C-alpha atoms as a PDB file:
ATOM      1  CA  MET A   1       0.000   0.000   0.000  1.00  0.00           C
ATOM      2  CA  PRO A   2       1.550   3.378  -0.973  1.00  0.00           C
ATOM      3  CA  ARG A   3       2.628   5.594   1.882  1.00  0.00           C
ATOM      4  CA  GLN A   4       0.399   8.646   2.441  1.00  0.00           C
ATOM      5  CA  GLN A   5       2.136  12.002   2.019  1.00  0.00           C
ATOM      6  CA  ARG A   6       2.291  14.406   4.936  1.00  0.00           C
ATOM      7  CA  GLY A   7      -0.300  17.151   4.633  1.00  0.00           C
ATOM      8  CA  VAL A   8      -2.442  15.109   2.260  1.00  0.00           C
ATOM      9  CA  ASN A   9      -5.549  13.242   3.439  1.00  0.00           C
ATOM     10  CA  SER A  10      -6.773   9.867   2.168  1.00  0.00           C
ATOM     11  CA  SER A  11      -8.712  11.614  -0.615  1.00  0.00           C
ATOM     12  CA  GLY A  12      -5.594  13.318  -1.896  1.00  0.00           C
ATOM     13  CA  VAL A  13      -6.679  16.732  -0.624  1.00  0.00           C
ATOM     14  CA  HIS A  14      -4.036  18.971   0.896  1.00  0.00           C
ATOM     15  CA  VAL A  15      -4.933  19.985   4.446  1.00  0.00           C
ATOM     16  CA  ARG A  16      -3.336  22.510   6.721  1.00  0.00           C
ATOM     17  CA  PRO A  17      -1.745  20.821   9.747  1.00  0.00           C
ATOM     18  CA  ALA A  18      -3.252  21.584  13.135  1.00  0.00           C
ATOM     19  CA  PRO A  19      -0.216  22.516  15.236  1.00  0.00           C
ATOM     20  CA  ASN A  20      -0.373  22.793  18.995  1.00  0.00           C
ATOM     21  CA  ARG A  21       0.392  26.475  19.390  1.00  0.00           C
ATOM     22  CA  GLY A  22       0.166  26.324  23.174  1.00  0.00           C
ATOM     23  CA  PRO A  23      -1.663  28.507  25.733  1.00  0.00           C
ATOM     24  CA  ALA A  24       0.505  31.535  24.949  1.00  0.00           C
ATOM     25  CA  ALA A  25      -0.933  31.642  21.439  1.00  0.00           C
ATOM     26  CA  ALA A  26      -4.592  31.715  22.488  1.00  0.00           C
ATOM     27  CA  ALA A  27      -5.121  35.140  20.914  1.00  0.00           C
ATOM     28  CA  ALA A  28      -3.585  33.987  17.637  1.00  0.00           C
ATOM     29  CA  ASN A  29      -5.785  30.893  17.640  1.00  0.00           C
ATOM     30  CA  ARG A  30      -8.889  33.005  18.149  1.00  0.00           C
ATOM     31  CA  ILE A  31      -7.924  35.328  15.290  1.00  0.00           C
ATOM     32  CA  ALA A  32      -7.290  32.332  13.015  1.00  0.00           C
ATOM     33  CA  ILE A  33     -10.652  30.780  13.910  1.00  0.00           C
ATOM     34  CA  LEU A  34     -12.579  33.994  13.292  1.00  0.00           C
ATOM     35  CA  ALA A  35     -10.798  34.620   9.992  1.00  0.00           C
ATOM     36  CA  ALA A  36     -11.558  31.074   8.825  1.00  0.00           C
ATOM     37  CA  ALA A  37     -15.179  31.309   9.956  1.00  0.00           C
ATOM     38  CA  ARG A  38     -15.692  34.643   8.209  1.00  0.00           C
ATOM     39  CA  GLU A  39     -14.307  33.269   4.945  1.00  0.00           C
ATOM     40  CA  LEU A  40     -16.348  30.041   5.128  1.00  0.00           C
ATOM     41  CA  PHE A  41     -19.540  31.937   5.994  1.00  0.00           C
ATOM     42  CA  ARG A  42     -18.861  34.236   3.040  1.00  0.00           C
ATOM     43  CA  ARG A  43     -18.358  31.381   0.589  1.00  0.00           C
ATOM     44  CA  GLU A  44     -20.816  28.776   1.847  1.00  0.00           C
ATOM     45  CA  GLY A  45     -23.248  30.427   4.275  1.00  0.00           C
ATOM     46  CA  TYR A  46     -24.018  29.696   7.892  1.00  0.00           C
ATOM     47  CA  ARG A  47     -24.930  26.005   7.392  1.00  0.00           C
ATOM     48  CA  ILE A  48     -21.339  24.782   7.141  1.00  0.00           C
ATOM     49  CA  PRO A  49     -20.218  21.981   9.507  1.00  0.00           C
ATOM     50  CA  PHE A  50     -18.680  23.279  12.722  1.00  0.00           C
ATOM     51  CA  SER A  51     -15.643  21.048  12.184  1.00  0.00           C
ATOM     52  CA  ALA A  52     -14.923  22.760   8.848  1.00  0.00           C
ATOM     53  CA  ILE A  53     -13.981  25.942  10.704  1.00  0.00           C
ATOM     54  CA  SER A  54     -11.296  24.310  12.838  1.00  0.00           C
ATOM     55  CA  ARG A  55      -9.855  22.552   9.780  1.00  0.00           C
ATOM     56  CA  ALA A  56      -9.709  25.791   7.804  1.00  0.00           C
ATOM     57  CA  ALA A  57      -8.166  27.631  10.775  1.00  0.00           C
ATOM     58  CA  GLY A  58      -5.513  24.953  11.239  1.00  0.00           C
ATOM     59  CA  VAL A  59      -6.342  24.384  14.901  1.00  0.00           C
ATOM     60  CA  ALA A  60      -7.263  21.217  16.757  1.00  0.00           C
ATOM     61  CA  GLN A  61     -10.939  20.625  17.500  1.00  0.00           C
ATOM     62  CA  ALA A  62     -10.222  20.859  21.236  1.00  0.00           C
ATOM     63  CA  VAL A  63      -8.699  24.313  20.731  1.00  0.00           C
ATOM     64  CA  MET A  64     -11.781  25.340  18.782  1.00  0.00           C
ATOM     65  CA  TYR A  65     -14.088  24.239  21.591  1.00  0.00           C
ATOM     66  CA  ARG A  66     -12.081  26.143  24.197  1.00  0.00           C
ATOM     67  CA  HIS A  67     -12.716  29.386  22.343  1.00  0.00           C
ATOM     68  CA  PHE A  68     -16.167  28.667  20.897  1.00  0.00           C
ATOM     69  CA  PRO A  69     -18.225  25.775  22.304  1.00  0.00           C
ATOM     70  CA  THR A  70     -20.759  25.950  19.445  1.00  0.00           C
ATOM     71  CA  LYS A  71     -20.968  27.184  15.870  1.00  0.00           C
ATOM     72  CA  LEU A  72     -23.400  29.871  16.993  1.00  0.00           C
ATOM     73  CA  ASP A  73     -20.762  31.187  19.404  1.00  0.00           C
ATOM     74  CA  VAL A  74     -18.205  31.692  16.641  1.00  0.00           C
ATOM     75  CA  ALA A  75     -20.889  33.061  14.323  1.00  0.00           C
ATOM     76  CA  LEU A  76     -21.909  35.642  16.909  1.00  0.00           C
ATOM     77  CA  ALA A  77     -18.270  36.684  17.332  1.00  0.00           C
ATOM     78  CA  VAL A  78     -18.102  37.371  13.585  1.00  0.00           C
ATOM     79  CA  PHE A  79     -21.472  39.150  13.764  1.00  0.00           C
ATOM     80  CA  GLU A  80     -20.166  41.297  16.636  1.00  0.00           C
ATOM     81  CA  GLU A  81     -17.201  42.410  14.526  1.00  0.00           C
ATOM     82  CA  ASN A  82     -19.616  43.501  11.785  1.00  0.00           C
ATOM     83  CA  LEU A  83     -21.809  45.292  14.309  1.00  0.00           C
ATOM     84  CA  ALA A  84     -18.831  47.147  15.754  1.00  0.00           C
ATOM     85  CA  GLU A  85     -17.890  48.351  12.260  1.00  0.00           C
ATOM     86  CA  LEU A  86     -21.450  49.559  11.603  1.00  0.00           C
ATOM     87  CA  GLU A  87     -21.651  51.253  15.008  1.00  0.00           C
ATOM     88  CA  ALA A  88     -18.429  53.142  14.285  1.00  0.00           C
ATOM     89  CA  LEU A  89     -19.841  54.359  10.962  1.00  0.00           C
ATOM     90  CA  ALA A  90     -23.144  55.340  12.593  1.00  0.00           C
ATOM     91  CA  ALA A  91     -21.316  57.334  15.283  1.00  0.00           C
ATOM     92  CA  SER A  92     -19.786  59.617  12.665  1.00  0.00           C
ATOM     93  CA  THR A  93     -20.976  63.232  12.749  1.00  0.00           C
ATOM     94  CA  GLU A  94     -20.790  63.421   8.951  1.00  0.00           C
ATOM     95  CA  PRO A  95     -24.184  64.338   7.418  1.00  0.00           C
ATOM     96  CA  GLY A  96     -24.057  61.278   5.163  1.00  0.00           C
ATOM     97  CA  ALA A  97     -23.359  58.772   7.970  1.00  0.00           C
ATOM     98  CA  PHE A  98     -26.704  57.009   7.510  1.00  0.00           C
ATOM     99  CA  TRP A  99     -26.030  56.309   3.848  1.00  0.00           C
ATOM    100  CA  GLN A 100     -22.525  55.097   4.679  1.00  0.00           C
ATOM    101  CA  VAL A 101     -24.044  52.675   7.186  1.00  0.00           C
ATOM    102  CA  TRP A 102     -26.629  51.531   4.638  1.00  0.00           C
ATOM    103  CA  ASP A 103     -24.002  51.027   1.914  1.00  0.00           C
ATOM    104  CA  ARG A 104     -21.834  48.946   4.250  1.00  0.00           C
ATOM    105  CA  LEU A 105     -24.810  46.897   5.462  1.00  0.00           C
ATOM    106  CA  VAL A 106     -25.715  46.065   1.862  1.00  0.00           C
ATOM    107  CA  GLU A 107     -22.079  45.183   1.115  1.00  0.00           C
ATOM    108  CA  MET A 108     -21.937  42.885   4.144  1.00  0.00           C
ATOM    109  CA  THR A 109     -25.095  41.121   3.028  1.00  0.00           C
ATOM    110  CA  ILE A 110     -23.776  40.684  -0.512  1.00  0.00           C
ATOM    111  CA  GLU A 111     -20.367  39.545   0.729  1.00  0.00           C
ATOM    112  CA  SER A 112     -21.932  37.011   3.095  1.00  0.00           C
ATOM    113  CA  SER A 113     -25.605  36.127   3.254  1.00  0.00           C
ATOM    114  CA  ALA A 114     -24.679  34.477   6.567  1.00  0.00           C
ATOM    115  CA  PHE A 115     -24.845  37.973   8.119  1.00  0.00           C
ATOM    116  CA  VAL A 116     -28.646  37.713   8.042  1.00  0.00           C
ATOM    117  CA  GLU A 117     -28.716  33.972   8.766  1.00  0.00           C
ATOM    118  CA  ILE A 118     -26.691  34.486  11.956  1.00  0.00           C
ATOM    119  CA  ALA A 119     -29.057  37.208  13.163  1.00  0.00           C
ATOM    120  CA  VAL A 120     -32.056  34.932  12.548  1.00  0.00           C
ATOM    121  CA  GLU A 121     -30.398  31.982  14.310  1.00  0.00           C
ATOM    122  CA  ALA A 122     -29.510  34.174  17.289  1.00  0.00           C
ATOM    123  CA  ARG A 123     -33.127  35.318  17.646  1.00  0.00           C
ATOM    124  CA  LEU A 124     -34.301  31.694  17.585  1.00  0.00           C
ATOM    125  CA  GLN A 125     -31.764  30.249  20.015  1.00  0.00           C
ATOM    126  CA  LEU A 126     -30.926  33.290  22.159  1.00  0.00           C
ATOM    127  CA  PRO A 127     -34.041  35.456  22.534  1.00  0.00           C
ATOM    128  CA  ASP A 128     -32.189  37.829  24.876  1.00  0.00           C
ATOM    129  CA  TYR A 129     -29.241  38.427  22.526  1.00  0.00           C
ATOM    130  CA  PRO A 130     -29.161  42.207  21.902  1.00  0.00           C
ATOM    131  CA  GLY A 131     -27.473  42.147  18.493  1.00  0.00           C
ATOM    132  CA  SER A 132     -30.597  42.761  16.417  1.00  0.00           C
ATOM    133  CA  ALA A 133     -31.692  45.555  18.749  1.00  0.00           C
ATOM    134  CA  ARG A 134     -28.244  47.164  18.468  1.00  0.00           C
ATOM    135  CA  LEU A 135     -28.431  47.008  14.682  1.00  0.00           C
ATOM    136  CA  GLU A 136     -31.835  48.666  14.651  1.00  0.00           C
ATOM    137  CA  ALA A 137     -30.675  51.285  17.180  1.00  0.00           C
ATOM    138  CA  LEU A 138     -27.601  52.314  15.181  1.00  0.00           C
ATOM    139  CA  LEU A 139     -29.758  52.612  12.072  1.00  0.00           C
ATOM    140  CA  ALA A 140     -32.353  54.683  13.937  1.00  0.00           C
ATOM    141  CA  ASP A 141     -29.713  57.034  15.320  1.00  0.00           C
ATOM    142  CA  SER A 142     -27.977  57.762  12.012  1.00  0.00           C
ATOM    143  CA  LEU A 143     -31.305  57.837  10.150  1.00  0.00           C
ATOM    144  CA  GLY A 144     -32.694  60.443  12.538  1.00  0.00           C
ATOM    145  CA  ARG A 145     -29.776  62.754  11.850  1.00  0.00           C
ATOM    146  CA  ALA A 146     -30.134  62.231   8.102  1.00  0.00           C
ATOM    147  CA  GLN A 147     -33.818  63.147   8.311  1.00  0.00           C
ATOM    148  CA  VAL A 148     -33.029  66.351  10.197  1.00  0.00           C
ATOM    149  CA  ASP A 149     -30.562  67.242   7.437  1.00  0.00           C
ATOM    150  CA  GLY A 150     -33.133  66.444   4.740  1.00  0.00           C
ATOM    151  CA  LEU A 151     -31.079  63.510   3.441  1.00  0.00           C
ATOM    152  CA  ALA A 152     -33.662  60.765   4.044  1.00  0.00           C
ATOM    153  CA  PRO A 153     -37.476  60.582   3.844  1.00  0.00           C
ATOM    154  CA  ALA A 154     -39.145  61.839   7.022  1.00  0.00           C
ATOM    155  CA  GLU A 155     -41.479  58.816   7.200  1.00  0.00           C
ATOM    156  CA  LEU A 156     -38.712  56.219   6.883  1.00  0.00           C
ATOM    157  CA  THR A 157     -38.039  54.077   9.972  1.00  0.00           C
ATOM    158  CA  ALA A 158     -35.164  51.825  10.983  1.00  0.00           C
ATOM    159  CA  HIS A 159     -37.575  48.901  10.729  1.00  0.00           C
ATOM    160  CA  ASP A 160     -38.237  49.834   7.099  1.00  0.00           C
ATOM    161  CA  VAL A 161     -34.496  49.849   6.468  1.00  0.00           C
ATOM    162  CA  LEU A 162     -34.121  46.375   7.972  1.00  0.00           C
ATOM    163  CA  LEU A 163     -37.011  45.076   5.857  1.00  0.00           C
ATOM    164  CA  THR A 164     -35.192  46.369   2.778  1.00  0.00           C
ATOM    165  CA  GLU A 165     -31.984  44.680   3.923  1.00  0.00           C
ATOM    166  CA  ARG A 166     -33.891  41.386   4.184  1.00  0.00           C
ATOM    167  CA  MET A 167     -34.971  41.909   0.586  1.00  0.00           C
ATOM    168  CA  VAL A 168     -31.300  42.266  -0.337  1.00  0.00           C
ATOM    169  CA  TYR A 169     -30.624  38.975   1.458  1.00  0.00           C
ATOM    170  CA  GLY A 170     -33.388  37.309  -0.531  1.00  0.00           C
ATOM    171  CA  VAL A 171     -31.895  38.499  -3.810  1.00  0.00           C
ATOM    172  CA  VAL A 172     -28.434  37.254  -2.814  1.00  0.00           C
ATOM    173  CA  ALA A 173     -29.628  33.926  -1.382  1.00  0.00           C
ATOM    174  CA  SER A 174     -31.728  33.102  -4.440  1.00  0.00           C
ATOM    175  CA  ALA A 175     -29.130  34.116  -7.039  1.00  0.00           C
ATOM    176  CA  LEU A 176     -28.029  31.449  -9.492  1.00  0.00           C
ATOM    177  CA  ALA A 177     -24.469  30.192  -9.237  1.00  0.00           C
ATOM    178  CA  GLY A 178     -22.143  32.567 -11.045  1.00  0.00           C
ATOM    179  CA  ALA A 179     -24.720  35.348 -11.209  1.00  0.00           C
ATOM    180  CA  ASP A 180     -23.709  38.933 -10.427  1.00  0.00           C
ATOM    181  CA  SER A 181     -25.411  39.546  -7.069  1.00  0.00           C
ATOM    182  CA  ARG A 182     -24.367  43.195  -7.009  1.00  0.00           C
ATOM    183  CA  GLU A 183     -26.134  43.952 -10.274  1.00  0.00           C
ATOM    184  CA  SER A 184     -29.293  42.124  -9.161  1.00  0.00           C
ATOM    185  CA  VAL A 185     -29.301  43.901  -5.820  1.00  0.00           C
ATOM    186  CA  ASP A 186     -28.877  47.313  -7.449  1.00  0.00           C
ATOM    187  CA  ARG A 187     -31.788  46.611  -9.789  1.00  0.00           C
ATOM    188  CA  ALA A 188     -33.990  45.480  -6.902  1.00  0.00           C
ATOM    189  CA  LEU A 189     -33.078  48.487  -4.759  1.00  0.00           C
ATOM    190  CA  GLY A 190     -33.948  50.763  -7.664  1.00  0.00           C
ATOM    191  CA  LEU A 191     -37.545  49.631  -7.154  1.00  0.00           C
ATOM    192  CA  VAL A 192     -37.549  50.710  -3.495  1.00  0.00           C
ATOM    193  CA  GLY A 193     -38.794  54.272  -3.144  1.00  0.00           C
ATOM    194  CA  TRP A 194     -36.666  55.454  -0.242  1.00  0.00           C
ATOM    195  CA  VAL A 195     -33.478  54.085  -1.810  1.00  0.00           C
ATOM    196  CA  ALA A 196     -34.350  55.446  -5.275  1.00  0.00           C
ATOM    197  CA  SER A 197     -34.881  58.909  -3.740  1.00  0.00           C
ATOM    198  CA  ARG A 198     -31.413  58.963  -2.240  1.00  0.00           C
ATOM    199  CA  PRO A 199     -29.631  62.304  -2.786  1.00  0.00           C
ATOM    200  CA  SER A 200     -27.386  61.970  -5.801  1.00  0.00           C
ATOM    201  CA  ARG A 201     -25.141  64.851  -4.813  1.00  0.00           C
ATOM    202  CA  GLY A 202     -23.809  66.273  -1.607  1.00  0.00           C
ATOM    203  CA  PRO A 203     -23.200  64.385   1.667  1.00  0.00           C
ATOM    204  CA  GLY A 204     -24.124  60.737   1.434  1.00  0.00           C
ATOM    205  CA  GLY A 205     -24.831  60.894  -2.297  1.00  0.00           C
ATOM    206  CA  ARG A 206     -23.264  58.539  -4.796  1.00  0.00           C
END
């Protein structure tokens, strides 16, 4: 029987070894796990096997469990990073902050439909998780300032914005393999009144 090569599994697929980095490298392990999870969620969605994350990160399963006991735990850590980015954008005093937040939220949804899937899973399994409320709050805050500046419709609510973002998710999730999600999303958003009425010039305009 031919000897199996190091770094190659029985199927002939190259795999990254899972070295024991030791307790001193706990922070590095966590970073590697989150980076691998973010990439897998982006490519394949939330429904990937939990074990796939540890393999992609190059860490032992036991190391994975020490940092994140469940897939939802690692998913929420990725979600928290996205939330922190959106909160920083929403905190800006720039007049166009709301539209910057909206643009980034759409980009996140296009980049990884798992962004919405994680929020839904969190609501189902962790009713007290505040992530969805934080997302709505940061939208409401930046939207309110945009409305005062005349940069967004006065009747628009943060809930309306989140409903539109779910529409974006639907377009992305139902896209055929190889299709240009960005183009489809732009066409769909062009049918939404509050997005279509976005200021084309000045702060927040394209």
